[in-house]
C-alpha atoms as a PDB file:
ATOM      1  CA  MET A   1     -13.813  -8.349  22.116  1.00  0.00           C
ATOM      2  CA  ASP A   2     -13.499  -9.915  18.652  1.00  0.00           C
ATOM      3  CA  VAL A   3     -10.356  -8.731  16.869  1.00  0.00           C
ATOM      4  CA  ARG A   4     -10.338  -9.091  13.073  1.00  0.00           C
ATOM      5  CA  PHE A   5      -7.442  -8.545  10.759  1.00  0.00           C
ATOM      6  CA  GLU A   6      -6.558  -9.289   7.183  1.00  0.00           C
ATOM      7  CA  VAL A   7      -3.273 -10.838   6.124  1.00  0.00           C
ATOM      8  CA  ALA A   8      -1.658  -9.026   3.198  1.00  0.00           C
ATOM      9  CA  GLU A   9       1.368  -9.802   1.077  1.00  0.00           C
ATOM     10  CA  ARG A  10       3.539  -6.842   0.092  1.00  0.00           C
ATOM     11  CA  GLU A  11       6.075  -6.774  -2.721  1.00  0.00           C
ATOM     12  CA  THR A  12       7.873  -4.257  -4.899  1.00  0.00           C
ATOM     13  CA  LYS A  13       7.198  -4.893  -8.588  1.00  0.00           C
ATOM     14  CA  ARG A  14       8.382  -3.379 -11.846  1.00  0.00           C
ATOM     15  CA  VAL A  15       5.695  -2.543 -14.397  1.00  0.00           C
ATOM     16  CA  ASN A  16       6.163  -4.522 -17.621  1.00  0.00           C
ATOM     17  CA  ILE A  17       6.240  -2.664 -20.910  1.00  0.00           C
ATOM     18  CA  ASP A  18       2.689  -3.931 -21.541  1.00  0.00           C
ATOM     19  CA  TYR A  19       1.530  -2.026 -18.383  1.00  0.00           C
ATOM     20  CA  HIS A  20       0.939  -5.186 -16.354  1.00  0.00           C
ATOM     21  CA  VAL A  21       2.530  -6.355 -13.115  1.00  0.00           C
ATOM     22  CA  GLU A  22       3.101 -10.063 -12.481  1.00  0.00           C
ATOM     23  CA  PHE A  23       1.890 -11.434  -9.160  1.00  0.00           C
ATOM     24  CA  ASP A  24       1.217 -15.067  -8.287  1.00  0.00           C
ATOM     25  CA  ASP A  25       1.663 -16.042 -11.973  1.00  0.00           C
ATOM     26  CA  ARG A  26      -1.132 -13.691 -13.082  1.00  0.00           C
ATOM     27  CA  TYR A  27      -0.820 -10.245 -14.682  1.00  0.00           C
ATOM     28  CA  TYR A  28      -2.596  -7.183 -13.285  1.00  0.00           C
ATOM     29  CA  SER A  29      -2.890  -3.944 -15.268  1.00  0.00           C
ATOM     30  CA  VAL A  30      -1.957  -0.456 -14.158  1.00  0.00           C
ATOM     31  CA  PRO A  31      -2.491   2.799 -16.053  1.00  0.00           C
ATOM     32  CA  TYR A  32      -0.031   2.718 -18.964  1.00  0.00           C
ATOM     33  CA  GLN A  33       1.856   5.870 -17.863  1.00  0.00           C
ATOM     34  CA  PRO A  34       4.037   4.345 -15.073  1.00  0.00           C
ATOM     35  CA  ARG A  35       5.305   1.447 -17.195  1.00  0.00           C
ATOM     36  CA  GLN A  36       8.732   0.089 -16.256  1.00  0.00           C
ATOM     37  CA  GLN A  37       8.641   1.926 -12.906  1.00  0.00           C
ATOM     38  CA  LEU A  38       8.658   0.324  -9.494  1.00  0.00           C
ATOM     39  CA  LEU A  39       5.318  -0.048  -7.722  1.00  0.00           C
ATOM     40  CA  GLN A  40       4.382  -1.379  -4.327  1.00  0.00           C
ATOM     41  CA  LEU A  41       1.921  -4.267  -4.454  1.00  0.00           C
ATOM     42  CA  ARG A  42      -0.424  -5.205  -1.622  1.00  0.00           C
ATOM     43  CA  ALA A  43      -2.410  -8.413  -2.018  1.00  0.00           C
ATOM     44  CA  THR A  44      -4.987 -10.010   0.241  1.00  0.00           C
ATOM     45  CA  SER A  45      -7.039 -13.126  -0.422  1.00  0.00           C
ATOM     46  CA  THR A  46      -9.590 -11.007  -2.318  1.00  0.00           C
ATOM     47  CA  ILE A  47      -7.868  -7.924  -3.757  1.00  0.00           C
ATOM     48  CA  VAL A  48      -4.620  -6.806  -5.413  1.00  0.00           C
ATOM     49  CA  GLU A  49      -3.704  -3.130  -5.040  1.00  0.00           C
ATOM     50  CA  LEU A  50      -0.805  -1.309  -6.683  1.00  0.00           C
ATOM     51  CA  PHE A  51       0.728   1.916  -5.388  1.00  0.00           C
ATOM     52  CA  HIS A  52       3.045   4.420  -7.062  1.00  0.00           C
ATOM     53  CA  ARG A  53       4.834   6.751  -4.634  1.00  0.00           C
ATOM     54  CA  GLY A  54       2.229   6.021  -1.971  1.00  0.00           C
ATOM     55  CA  GLU A  55      -0.784   6.698  -4.218  1.00  0.00           C
ATOM     56  CA  ARG A  56      -3.015   3.805  -5.255  1.00  0.00           C
ATOM     57  CA  VAL A  57      -2.990   3.562  -9.044  1.00  0.00           C
ATOM     58  CA  ALA A  58      -4.831   0.260  -9.510  1.00  0.00           C
ATOM     59  CA  SER A  59      -7.066  -2.137  -7.636  1.00  0.00           C
ATOM     60  CA  HIS A  60      -8.265  -5.500  -8.937  1.00  0.00           C
ATOM     61  CA  ARG A  61     -10.214  -8.422  -7.574  1.00  0.00           C
ATOM     62  CA  ARG A  62      -7.607 -11.141  -7.024  1.00  0.00           C
ATOM     63  CA  ASN A  63      -7.630 -13.697  -9.824  1.00  0.00           C
ATOM     64  CA  TYR A  64      -7.358 -17.405  -9.048  1.00  0.00           C
ATOM     65  CA  GLY A  65      -7.938 -18.500 -12.649  1.00  0.00           C
ATOM     66  CA  PRO A  66      -5.369 -20.265 -14.835  1.00  0.00           C
ATOM     67  CA  LYS A  67      -1.765 -19.160 -14.410  1.00  0.00           C
ATOM     68  CA  GLY A  68      -0.722 -16.538 -16.939  1.00  0.00           C
ATOM     69  CA  THR A  69      -4.174 -14.961 -16.995  1.00  0.00           C
ATOM     70  CA  PRO A  70      -4.146 -11.170 -17.527  1.00  0.00           C
ATOM     71  CA  VAL A  71      -6.494  -8.973 -15.501  1.00  0.00           C
ATOM     72  CA  THR A  72      -6.832  -5.769 -17.512  1.00  0.00           C
ATOM     73  CA  ALA A  73      -9.014  -2.776 -16.668  1.00  0.00           C
ATOM     74  CA  PRO A  74     -10.158  -1.113 -19.920  1.00  0.00           C
ATOM     75  CA  GLU A  75      -9.283   2.346 -18.568  1.00  0.00           C
ATOM     76  CA  HIS A  76      -5.653   1.252 -18.137  1.00  0.00           C
ATOM     77  CA  ARG A  77      -5.105   0.661 -21.857  1.00  0.00           C
ATOM     78  CA  ALA A  78      -3.309   3.222 -23.968  1.00  0.00           C
ATOM     79  CA  LYS A  79      -5.689   4.672 -26.549  1.00  0.00           C
ATOM     80  CA  CYS A  80      -3.727   3.000 -29.349  1.00  0.00           C
ATOM     81  CA  HIS A  81      -4.583  -0.404 -27.826  1.00  0.00           C
ATOM     82  CA  GLU A  82      -8.346   0.133 -27.534  1.00  0.00           C
ATOM     83  CA  ASP A  83      -9.156  -1.003 -31.074  1.00  0.00           C
ATOM     84  CA  VAL A  84      -6.916  -4.065 -30.660  1.00  0.00           C
ATOM     85  CA  ALA A  85      -8.813  -5.047 -27.504  1.00  0.00           C
ATOM     86  CA  GLN A  86     -12.190  -4.456 -29.167  1.00  0.00           C
ATOM     87  CA  ARG A  87     -11.243  -6.806 -32.002  1.00  0.00           C
ATOM     88  CA  GLY A  88     -10.198  -9.435 -29.481  1.00  0.00           C
ATOM     89  CA  GLN A  89      -6.639  -9.795 -30.706  1.00  0.00           C
ATOM     90  CA  GLN A  90      -5.154 -11.079 -27.484  1.00  0.00           C
ATOM     91  CA  GLY A  91      -1.494 -11.878 -27.483  1.00  0.00           C
ATOM     92  CA  SER A  92      -0.649  -9.381 -30.202  1.00  0.00           C
ATOM     93  CA  ASN A  93       2.264  -7.022 -29.578  1.00  0.00           C
ATOM     94  CA  CYS A  94       2.671  -3.244 -29.529  1.00  0.00           C
ATOM     95  CA  ALA A  95       5.779  -1.231 -30.262  1.00  0.00           C
ATOM     96  CA  VAL A  96       6.137   1.358 -27.533  1.00  0.00           C
ATOM     97  CA  ARG A  97       8.614   4.225 -27.670  1.00  0.00           C
ATOM     98  CA  SER A  98      10.607   4.758 -24.512  1.00  0.00           C
ATOM     99  CA  ARG A  99      10.308   8.342 -23.276  1.00  0.00           C
ATOM    100  CA  ARG A 100      13.866   8.393 -21.885  1.00  0.00           C
ATOM    101  CA  ARG A 101      15.803   6.727 -24.666  1.00  0.00           C
ATOM    102  CA  GLY A 102      13.678   7.411 -27.727  1.00  0.00           C
ATOM    103  CA  LYS A 103      14.066   3.758 -28.742  1.00  0.00           C
ATOM    104  CA  VAL A 104      11.332   1.346 -29.701  1.00  0.00           C
ATOM    105  CA  ALA A 105      10.825  -1.486 -27.231  1.00  0.00           C
ATOM    106  CA  THR A 106       8.606  -4.422 -28.054  1.00  0.00           C
ATOM    107  CA  GLY A 107       6.212  -5.796 -25.458  1.00  0.00           C
ATOM    108  CA  ARG A 108       3.378  -8.312 -25.493  1.00  0.00           C
ATOM    109  CA  LEU A 109       1.045  -5.912 -27.288  1.00  0.00           C
ATOM    110  CA  ARG A 110       1.951  -4.964 -30.863  1.00  0.00           C
ATOM    111  CA  HIS A 111      -0.239  -2.806 -33.051  1.00  0.00           C
ATOM    112  CA  ARG A 112       1.057  -1.199 -36.223  1.00  0.00           C
ATOM    113  CA  ASN A 113      -0.809   2.067 -35.572  1.00  0.00           C
ATOM    114  CA  CYS A 114       0.426   2.421 -32.013  1.00  0.00           C
ATOM    115  CA  ALA A 115       2.609   5.419 -31.355  1.00  0.00           C
ATOM    116  CA  SER A 116       3.865   6.503 -27.978  1.00  0.00           C
ATOM    117  CA  GLU A 117       1.412   8.704 -26.114  1.00  0.00           C
ATOM    118  CA  ASP A 118       4.035   9.990 -23.677  1.00  0.00           C
END
C-alpha cells in the first residue's frame, strides 16, 4: 500500500492594513474586510491558504518569485483600490479608516478618493 501525504506549514498571521499577509517574505491577499485580524495560514509546496475562524477566506498558488512580491487576487481589493490597480500604480498608499477607532491609518496603498467601505 502506497501512503501519500503532504507536508504543510501552519502559522497564525495578522492581516496588514493593506489586506495582505506576509509569509516566506511574500505577501498574499485576503478579502479586505478582515484586515488587522488574526488568520490561520496553511502552506504547502504549491498552495497558501488562509482561514478566518475556521473558514477559508483565501487560497493562492505559492509564489517563489522575488522576495517582497505581492500576490493579489483582484476580488480581494476594496472597490476604492480598483482604479489604482487598473492604472498600474503599484506601491501607492491608501488611507483607510479604522472601524473601531474612527482614525485614519496609512498602509501601503494610498488613494486620495479612498474612503472606508466598512
